[in-house]
PDB file of all heavy atoms in Angstrom:
ATOM      1  N   ILE A   1       0.844  -1.207   0.000  1.00  0.00           N
ATOM      2  CA  ILE A   1       0.000   0.000   0.000  1.00  0.00           C
ATOM      3  C   ILE A   1       0.875   1.252   0.000  1.00  0.00           C
ATOM      4  O   ILE A   1       0.637   2.196  -0.758  1.00  0.00           O
ATOM      5  CB  ILE A   1      -0.965  -0.017   1.205  1.00  0.00           C
ATOM      6  CG1 ILE A   1      -2.010  -1.123   1.024  1.00  0.00           C
ATOM      7  CG2 ILE A   1      -1.629   1.348   1.414  1.00  0.00           C
ATOM      8  CD1 ILE A   1      -2.785  -1.477   2.286  1.00  0.00           C
ATOM      9  N   GLU A   2       1.899   1.245   0.823  1.00  0.00           N
ATOM     10  CA  GLU A   2       2.778   2.412   0.917  1.00  0.00           C
ATOM     11  C   GLU A   2       3.646   2.575  -0.332  1.00  0.00           C
ATOM     12  O   GLU A   2       3.936   3.700  -0.729  1.00  0.00           O
ATOM     13  CB  GLU A   2       3.619   2.331   2.188  1.00  0.00           C
ATOM     14  CG  GLU A   2       2.744   2.533   3.423  1.00  0.00           C
ATOM     15  CD  GLU A   2       3.498   2.440   4.735  1.00  0.00           C
ATOM     16  OE1 GLU A   2       4.647   1.919   4.755  1.00  0.00           O
ATOM     17  OE2 GLU A   2       2.927   2.876   5.756  1.00  0.00           O
ATOM     18  N   LYS A   3       4.045   1.471  -0.962  1.00  0.00           N
ATOM     19  CA  LYS A   3       4.803   1.558  -2.224  1.00  0.00           C
ATOM     20  C   LYS A   3       3.994   2.295  -3.284  1.00  0.00           C
ATOM     21  O   LYS A   3       4.559   2.983  -4.130  1.00  0.00           O
ATOM     22  CB  LYS A   3       5.127   0.161  -2.755  1.00  0.00           C
ATOM     23  CG  LYS A   3       6.435  -0.396  -2.318  1.00  0.00           C
ATOM     24  CD  LYS A   3       6.696  -1.691  -3.073  1.00  0.00           C
ATOM     25  CE  LYS A   3       7.845  -2.440  -2.469  1.00  0.00           C
ATOM     26  NZ  LYS A   3       8.070  -3.734  -3.134  1.00  0.00           N
ATOM     27  N   LEU A   4       2.687   2.139  -3.239  1.00  0.00           N
ATOM     28  CA  LEU A   4       1.803   2.790  -4.207  1.00  0.00           C
ATOM     29  C   LEU A   4       1.424   4.208  -3.782  1.00  0.00           C
ATOM     30  O   LEU A   4       0.679   4.881  -4.479  1.00  0.00           O
ATOM     31  CB  LEU A   4       0.542   1.955  -4.423  1.00  0.00           C
ATOM     32  CG  LEU A   4       0.775   0.608  -5.105  1.00  0.00           C
ATOM     33  CD1 LEU A   4      -0.523  -0.198  -5.144  1.00  0.00           C
ATOM     34  CD2 LEU A   4       1.347   0.788  -6.503  1.00  0.00           C
ATOM     35  N   GLY A   5       1.915   4.653  -2.623  1.00  0.00           N
ATOM     36  CA  GLY A   5       1.652   6.018  -2.168  1.00  0.00           C
ATOM     37  C   GLY A   5       0.454   6.153  -1.263  1.00  0.00           C
ATOM     38  O   GLY A   5       0.048   7.261  -0.922  1.00  0.00           O
ATOM     39  N   GLY A   6      -0.124   5.023  -0.839  1.00  0.00           N
ATOM     40  CA  GLY A   6      -1.250   5.065   0.085  1.00  0.00           C
ATOM     41  C   GLY A   6      -0.794   5.234   1.516  1.00  0.00           C
ATOM     42  O   GLY A   6       0.367   4.974   1.853  1.00  0.00           O
ATOM     43  N   GLU A   7      -1.713   5.668   2.353  1.00  0.00           N
ATOM     44  CA  GLU A   7      -1.448   5.835   3.787  1.00  0.00           C
ATOM     45  C   GLU A   7      -2.396   4.921   4.557  1.00  0.00           C
ATOM     46  O   GLU A   7      -3.618   5.061   4.465  1.00  0.00           O
ATOM     47  CB  GLU A   7      -1.695   7.286   4.204  1.00  0.00           C
ATOM     48  CG  GLU A   7      -1.561   7.513   5.689  1.00  0.00           C
ATOM     49  CD  GLU A   7      -2.074   8.874   6.137  1.00  0.00           C
ATOM     50  OE1 GLU A   7      -2.450   9.707   5.287  1.00  0.00           O
ATOM     51  OE2 GLU A   7      -2.115   9.091   7.360  1.00  0.00           O
ATOM     52  N   VAL A   8      -1.834   3.963   5.291  1.00  0.00           N
ATOM     53  CA  VAL A   8      -2.657   3.058   6.095  1.00  0.00           C
ATOM     54  C   VAL A   8      -3.058   3.800   7.366  1.00  0.00           C
ATOM     55  O   VAL A   8      -2.214   4.112   8.205  1.00  0.00           O
ATOM     56  CB  VAL A   8      -1.906   1.754   6.429  1.00  0.00           C
ATOM     57  CG1 VAL A   8      -2.741   0.871   7.353  1.00  0.00           C
ATOM     58  CG2 VAL A   8      -1.553   1.006   5.141  1.00  0.00           C
ATOM     59  N   VAL A   9      -4.356   4.115   7.466  1.00  0.00           N
ATOM     60  CA  VAL A   9      -4.843   4.882   8.612  1.00  0.00           C
ATOM     61  C   VAL A   9      -5.315   3.988   9.755  1.00  0.00           C
ATOM     62  O   VAL A   9      -5.379   4.443  10.897  1.00  0.00           O
ATOM     63  CB  VAL A   9      -5.956   5.878   8.209  1.00  0.00           C
ATOM     64  CG1 VAL A   9      -5.391   6.962   7.299  1.00  0.00           C
ATOM     65  CG2 VAL A   9      -7.134   5.182   7.560  1.00  0.00           C
ATOM     66  N   LYS A  10      -5.610   2.717   9.458  1.00  0.00           N
ATOM     67  CA  LYS A  10      -5.983   1.787  10.518  1.00  0.00           C
ATOM     68  C   LYS A  10      -5.992   0.368   9.959  1.00  0.00           C
ATOM     69  O   LYS A  10      -6.268   0.155   8.785  1.00  0.00           O
ATOM     70  CB  LYS A  10      -7.357   2.126  11.098  1.00  0.00           C
ATOM     71  CG  LYS A  10      -7.663   1.398  12.408  1.00  0.00           C
ATOM     72  CD  LYS A  10      -8.718   2.122  13.206  1.00  0.00           C
ATOM     73  CE  LYS A  10      -8.865   1.489  14.580  1.00  0.00           C
ATOM     74  NZ  LYS A  10      -9.867   2.187  15.376  1.00  0.00           N
ATOM     75  N   VAL A  11      -5.680  -0.584  10.832  1.00  0.00           N
ATOM     76  CA  VAL A  11      -5.778  -2.009  10.527  1.00  0.00           C
ATOM     77  C   VAL A  11      -6.832  -2.571  11.468  1.00  0.00           C
ATOM     78  O   VAL A  11      -6.722  -2.399  12.689  1.00  0.00           O
ATOM     79  CB  VAL A  11      -4.428  -2.735  10.749  1.00  0.00           C
ATOM     80  CG1 VAL A  11      -4.568  -4.225  10.473  1.00  0.00           C
ATOM     81  CG2 VAL A  11      -3.326  -2.109   9.901  1.00  0.00           C
ATOM     82  N   ILE A  12      -7.861  -3.207  10.902  1.00  0.00           N
ATOM     83  CA  ILE A  12      -8.907  -3.783  11.754  1.00  0.00           C
ATOM     84  C   ILE A  12      -9.034  -5.286  11.502  1.00  0.00           C
ATOM     85  O   ILE A  12      -8.873  -5.754  10.379  1.00  0.00           O
ATOM     86  CB  ILE A  12     -10.275  -3.078  11.593  1.00  0.00           C
ATOM     87  CG1 ILE A  12     -10.819  -3.197  10.182  1.00  0.00           C
ATOM     88  CG2 ILE A  12     -10.174  -1.622  12.028  1.00  0.00           C
ATOM     89  CD1 ILE A  12     -12.278  -2.770  10.054  1.00  0.00           C
ATOM     90  N   LEU A  13      -9.312  -5.990  12.587  1.00  0.00           N
ATOM     91  CA  LEU A  13      -9.354  -7.449  12.567  1.00  0.00           C
ATOM     92  C   LEU A  13     -10.523  -7.939  13.396  1.00  0.00           C
ATOM     93  O   LEU A  13     -10.929  -7.275  14.356  1.00  0.00           O
ATOM     94  CB  LEU A  13      -8.064  -7.988  13.195  1.00  0.00           C
ATOM     95  CG  LEU A  13      -6.803  -7.340  12.670  1.00  0.00           C
ATOM     96  CD1 LEU A  13      -5.788  -7.152  13.745  1.00  0.00           C
ATOM     97  CD2 LEU A  13      -6.285  -8.128  11.510  1.00  0.00           C
ATOM     98  N   LEU A  14     -11.008  -9.101  13.054  1.00  0.00           N
ATOM     99  CA  LEU A  14     -12.015  -9.719  13.909  1.00  0.00           C
ATOM    100  C   LEU A  14     -11.334 -10.306  15.145  1.00  0.00           C
ATOM    101  O   LEU A  14     -11.805 -10.117  16.259  1.00  0.00           O
ATOM    102  CB  LEU A  14     -12.780 -10.808  13.154  1.00  0.00           C
ATOM    103  CG  LEU A  14     -13.878 -11.486  13.960  1.00  0.00           C
ATOM    104  CD1 LEU A  14     -14.955 -10.489  14.379  1.00  0.00           C
ATOM    105  CD2 LEU A  14     -14.478 -12.646  13.185  1.00  0.00           C
ATOM    106  N   MET A  15     -10.195 -10.999  14.942  1.00  0.00           N
ATOM    107  CA  MET A  15      -9.531 -11.691  16.051  1.00  0.00           C
ATOM    108  C   MET A  15      -8.036 -11.400  16.073  1.00  0.00           C
ATOM    109  O   MET A  15      -7.420 -11.200  15.029  1.00  0.00           O
ATOM    110  CB  MET A  15      -9.722 -13.202  15.913  1.00  0.00           C
ATOM    111  CG  MET A  15     -11.161 -13.657  15.959  1.00  0.00           C
ATOM    112  SD  MET A  15     -11.314 -15.450  15.793  1.00  0.00           S
ATOM    113  CE  MET A  15     -11.058 -15.671  14.026  1.00  0.00           C
ATOM    114  N   GLU A  16      -7.497 -11.450  17.274  1.00  0.00           N
ATOM    115  CA  GLU A  16      -6.057 -11.287  17.474  1.00  0.00           C
ATOM    116  C   GLU A  16      -5.557 -12.375  18.405  1.00  0.00           C
ATOM    117  O   GLU A  16      -6.149 -12.602  19.468  1.00  0.00           O
ATOM    118  CB  GLU A  16      -5.767  -9.920  18.085  1.00  0.00           C
ATOM    119  CG  GLU A  16      -4.321  -9.693  18.407  1.00  0.00           C
ATOM    120  CD  GLU A  16      -4.029  -8.302  18.944  1.00  0.00           C
ATOM    121  OE1 GLU A  16      -4.960  -7.488  19.068  1.00  0.00           O
ATOM    122  OE2 GLU A  16      -2.852  -8.045  19.243  1.00  0.00           O
ATOM    123  N   LEU A  17      -4.475 -13.038  18.009  1.00  0.00           N
ATOM    124  CA  LEU A  17      -3.796 -14.003  18.867  1.00  0.00           C
ATOM    125  C   LEU A  17      -2.606 -13.275  19.484  1.00  0.00           C
ATOM    126  O   LEU A  17      -1.505 -13.266  18.927  1.00  0.00           O
ATOM    127  CB  LEU A  17      -3.354 -15.227  18.066  1.00  0.00           C
ATOM    128  CG  LEU A  17      -4.455 -15.967  17.296  1.00  0.00           C
ATOM    129  CD1 LEU A  17      -3.879 -17.139  16.522  1.00  0.00           C
ATOM    130  CD2 LEU A  17      -5.563 -16.421  18.231  1.00  0.00           C
ATOM    131  N   ALA A  18      -2.832 -12.643  20.612  1.00  0.00           N
ATOM    132  CA  ALA A  18      -1.840 -11.742  21.208  1.00  0.00           C
ATOM    133  C   ALA A  18      -0.532 -12.453  21.556  1.00  0.00           C
ATOM    134  O   ALA A  18       0.539 -11.840  21.492  1.00  0.00           O
ATOM    135  CB  ALA A  18      -2.430 -11.063  22.443  1.00  0.00           C
ATOM    136  N   GLY A  19      -0.607 -13.723  21.896  1.00  0.00           N
ATOM    137  CA  GLY A  19       0.591 -14.467  22.271  1.00  0.00           C
ATOM    138  C   GLY A  19       1.609 -14.600  21.155  1.00  0.00           C
ATOM    139  O   GLY A  19       2.787 -14.843  21.412  1.00  0.00           O
ATOM    140  N   LEU A  20       1.180 -14.422  19.914  1.00  0.00           N
ATOM    141  CA  LEU A  20       2.100 -14.524  18.779  1.00  0.00           C
ATOM    142  C   LEU A  20       2.740 -13.189  18.412  1.00  0.00           C
ATOM    143  O   LEU A  20       3.563 -13.118  17.501  1.00  0.00           O
ATOM    144  CB  LEU A  20       1.382 -15.135  17.569  1.00  0.00           C
ATOM    145  CG  LEU A  20       0.923 -16.578  17.788  1.00  0.00           C
ATOM    146  CD1 LEU A  20       0.137 -17.080  16.594  1.00  0.00           C
ATOM    147  CD2 LEU A  20       2.109 -17.491  18.067  1.00  0.00           C
ATOM    148  N   LYS A  21       2.346 -12.130  19.092  1.00  0.00           N
ATOM    149  CA  LYS A  21       2.977 -10.812  19.004  1.00  0.00           C
ATOM    150  C   LYS A  21       2.999 -10.220  17.587  1.00  0.00           C
ATOM    151  O   LYS A  21       3.951  -9.534  17.198  1.00  0.00           O
ATOM    152  CB  LYS A  21       4.389 -10.855  19.589  1.00  0.00           C
ATOM    153  CG  LYS A  21       4.389 -11.308  21.047  1.00  0.00           C
ATOM    154  CD  LYS A  21       5.721 -11.121  21.683  1.00  0.00           C
ATOM    155  CE  LYS A  21       5.787 -11.624  23.100  1.00  0.00           C
ATOM    156  NZ  LYS A  21       4.774 -11.175  24.002  1.00  0.00           N
ATOM    157  N   GLY A  22       1.940 -10.443  16.824  1.00  0.00           N
ATOM    158  CA  GLY A  22       1.848  -9.889  15.483  1.00  0.00           C
ATOM    159  C   GLY A  22       1.828  -8.374  15.455  1.00  0.00           C
ATOM    160  O   GLY A  22       2.309  -7.754  14.506  1.00  0.00           O
ATOM    161  N   ARG A  23       1.303  -7.756  16.505  1.00  0.00           N
ATOM    162  CA  ARG A  23       1.282  -6.290  16.583  1.00  0.00           C
ATOM    163  C   ARG A  23       2.685  -5.695  16.529  1.00  0.00           C
ATOM    164  O   ARG A  23       2.857  -4.569  16.079  1.00  0.00           O
ATOM    165  CB  ARG A  23       0.609  -5.825  17.876  1.00  0.00           C
ATOM    166  CG  ARG A  23      -0.871  -5.738  17.796  1.00  0.00           C
ATOM    167  CD  ARG A  23      -1.410  -5.177  19.109  1.00  0.00           C
ATOM    168  NE  ARG A  23      -2.837  -5.283  19.131  1.00  0.00           N
ATOM    169  CZ  ARG A  23      -3.653  -4.238  19.041  1.00  0.00           C
ATOM    170  NH1 ARG A  23      -3.166  -3.018  18.949  1.00  0.00           N
ATOM    171  NH2 ARG A  23      -4.946  -4.407  19.071  1.00  0.00           N
ATOM    172  N   ASP A  24       3.664  -6.453  17.011  1.00  0.00           N
ATOM    173  CA  ASP A  24       5.039  -5.942  17.001  1.00  0.00           C
ATOM    174  C   ASP A  24       5.497  -5.596  15.588  1.00  0.00           C
ATOM    175  O   ASP A  24       6.249  -4.653  15.389  1.00  0.00           O
ATOM    176  CB  ASP A  24       5.996  -6.965  17.619  1.00  0.00           C
ATOM    177  CG  ASP A  24       5.760  -7.163  19.114  1.00  0.00           C
ATOM    178  OD1 ASP A  24       4.922  -6.429  19.699  1.00  0.00           O
ATOM    179  OD2 ASP A  24       6.388  -8.069  19.685  1.00  0.00           O
ATOM    180  N   LYS A  25       5.055  -6.372  14.585  1.00  0.00           N
ATOM    181  CA  LYS A  25       5.424  -6.101  13.199  1.00  0.00           C
ATOM    182  C   LYS A  25       4.677  -4.897  12.637  1.00  0.00           C
ATOM    183  O   LYS A  25       5.011  -4.421  11.562  1.00  0.00           O
ATOM    184  CB  LYS A  25       5.135  -7.319  12.329  1.00  0.00           C
ATOM    185  CG  LYS A  25       6.125  -8.432  12.514  1.00  0.00           C
ATOM    186  CD  LYS A  25       5.982  -9.477  11.442  1.00  0.00           C
ATOM    187  CE  LYS A  25       7.052 -10.530  11.665  1.00  0.00           C
ATOM    188  NZ  LYS A  25       6.580 -11.862  11.480  1.00  0.00           N
ATOM    189  N   LEU A  26       3.642  -4.440  13.352  1.00  0.00           N
ATOM    190  CA  LEU A  26       2.827  -3.325  12.875  1.00  0.00           C
ATOM    191  C   LEU A  26       2.983  -2.093  13.754  1.00  0.00           C
ATOM    192  O   LEU A  26       2.113  -1.218  13.760  1.00  0.00           O
ATOM    193  CB  LEU A  26       1.348  -3.740  12.823  1.00  0.00           C
ATOM    194  CG  LEU A  26       1.031  -5.019  12.049  1.00  0.00           C
ATOM    195  CD1 LEU A  26      -0.459  -5.297  12.071  1.00  0.00           C
ATOM    196  CD2 LEU A  26       1.547  -4.963  10.633  1.00  0.00           C
ATOM    197  N   SER A  27       4.091  -2.012  14.486  1.00  0.00           N
ATOM    198  CA  SER A  27       4.279  -0.850  15.356  1.00  0.00           C
ATOM    199  C   SER A  27       4.296   0.413  14.495  1.00  0.00           C
ATOM    200  O   SER A  27       4.815   0.417  13.378  1.00  0.00           O
ATOM    201  CB  SER A  27       5.561  -0.977  16.183  1.00  0.00           C
ATOM    202  OG  SER A  27       6.687  -0.995  15.346  1.00  0.00           O
ATOM    203  N   GLY A  28       3.687   1.453  15.000  1.00  0.00           N
ATOM    204  CA  GLY A  28       3.570   2.690  14.241  1.00  0.00           C
ATOM    205  C   GLY A  28       2.250   2.798  13.500  1.00  0.00           C
ATOM    206  O   GLY A  28       1.952   3.830  12.902  1.00  0.00           O
ATOM    207  N   TYR A  29       1.449   1.729  13.527  1.00  0.00           N
ATOM    208  CA  TYR A  29       0.132   1.734  12.886  1.00  0.00           C
ATOM    209  C   TYR A  29      -0.937   1.503  13.942  1.00  0.00           C
ATOM    210  O   TYR A  29      -0.713   0.794  14.922  1.00  0.00           O
ATOM    211  CB  TYR A  29       0.040   0.633  11.818  1.00  0.00           C
ATOM    212  CG  TYR A  29       1.027   0.850  10.708  1.00  0.00           C
ATOM    213  CD1 TYR A  29       2.287   0.255  10.749  1.00  0.00           C
ATOM    214  CD2 TYR A  29       0.724   1.686   9.637  1.00  0.00           C
ATOM    215  CE1 TYR A  29       3.214   0.484   9.748  1.00  0.00           C
ATOM    216  CE2 TYR A  29       1.642   1.913   8.639  1.00  0.00           C
ATOM    217  CZ  TYR A  29       2.890   1.317   8.700  1.00  0.00           C
ATOM    218  OH  TYR A  29       3.805   1.556   7.717  1.00  0.00           O
ATOM    219  N   GLU A  30      -2.096   2.089  13.714  1.00  0.00           N
ATOM    220  CA  GLU A  30      -3.218   1.869  14.627  1.00  0.00           C
ATOM    221  C   GLU A  30      -3.857   0.533  14.275  1.00  0.00           C
ATOM    222  O   GLU A  30      -4.295   0.326  13.136  1.00  0.00           O
ATOM    223  CB  GLU A  30      -4.229   3.006  14.521  1.00  0.00           C
ATOM    224  CG  GLU A  30      -5.288   2.922  15.585  1.00  0.00           C
ATOM    225  CD  GLU A  30      -6.264   4.086  15.568  1.00  0.00           C
ATOM    226  OE1 GLU A  30      -6.013   5.083  14.874  1.00  0.00           O
ATOM    227  OE2 GLU A  30      -7.287   3.971  16.247  1.00  0.00           O
ATOM    228  N   VAL A  31      -3.885  -0.378  15.232  1.00  0.00           N
ATOM    229  CA  VAL A  31      -4.415  -1.724  15.034  1.00  0.00           C
ATOM    230  C   VAL A  31      -5.511  -1.959  16.068  1.00  0.00           C
ATOM    231  O   VAL A  31      -5.320  -1.665  17.254  1.00  0.00           O
ATOM    232  CB  VAL A  31      -3.309  -2.795  15.207  1.00  0.00           C
ATOM    233  CG1 VAL A  31      -3.871  -4.198  15.031  1.00  0.00           C
ATOM    234  CG2 VAL A  31      -2.154  -2.544  14.246  1.00  0.00           C
ATOM    235  N   ALA A  32      -6.653  -2.494  15.623  1.00  0.00           N
ATOM    236  CA  ALA A  32      -7.751  -2.785  16.545  1.00  0.00           C
ATOM    237  C   ALA A  32      -8.398  -4.104  16.156  1.00  0.00           C
ATOM    238  O   ALA A  32      -8.548  -4.425  14.972  1.00  0.00           O
ATOM    239  CB  ALA A  32      -8.790  -1.673  16.518  1.00  0.00           C
ATOM    240  N   SER A  33      -8.759  -4.887  17.173  1.00  0.00           N
ATOM    241  CA  SER A  33      -9.453  -6.147  16.930  1.00  0.00           C
ATOM    242  C   SER A  33     -10.697  -6.220  17.796  1.00  0.00           C
ATOM    243  O   SER A  33     -10.747  -5.629  18.875  1.00  0.00           O
ATOM    244  CB  SER A  33      -8.524  -7.338  17.216  1.00  0.00           C
ATOM    245  OG  SER A  33      -8.062  -7.289  18.540  1.00  0.00           O
ATOM    246  N   VAL A  34     -11.685  -6.952  17.291  1.00  0.00           N
ATOM    247  CA  VAL A  34     -12.931  -7.125  18.026  1.00  0.00           C
ATOM    248  C   VAL A  34     -12.697  -8.068  19.202  1.00  0.00           C
ATOM    249  O   VAL A  34     -13.156  -7.824  20.311  1.00  0.00           O
ATOM    250  CB  VAL A  34     -14.045  -7.675  17.092  1.00  0.00           C
ATOM    251  CG1 VAL A  34     -15.310  -7.978  17.872  1.00  0.00           C
ATOM    252  CG2 VAL A  34     -14.320  -6.671  15.972  1.00  0.00           C
ATOM    253  N   ILE A  35     -11.960  -9.164  18.961  1.00  0.00           N
ATOM    254  CA  ILE A  35     -11.683 -10.179  19.995  1.00  0.00           C
ATOM    255  C   ILE A  35     -10.175 -10.328  20.127  1.00  0.00           C
ATOM    256  O   ILE A  35      -9.468 -10.413  19.121  1.00  0.00           O
ATOM    257  CB  ILE A  35     -12.254 -11.557  19.598  1.00  0.00           C
ATOM    258  CG1 ILE A  35     -13.739 -11.494  19.288  1.00  0.00           C
ATOM    259  CG2 ILE A  35     -11.980 -12.583  20.683  1.00  0.00           C
ATOM    260  CD1 ILE A  35     -14.267 -12.756  18.624  1.00  0.00           C
TER     261      ILE A  35
END
């Protein structure tokens, strides 16, 4: 998305497996999950 000049304003998910620390790869972005 950024290579094409877009700006990621938020990442939304239904579920997050927090123990796998996926958010760490998305630091600097707003991330939200329902569960």
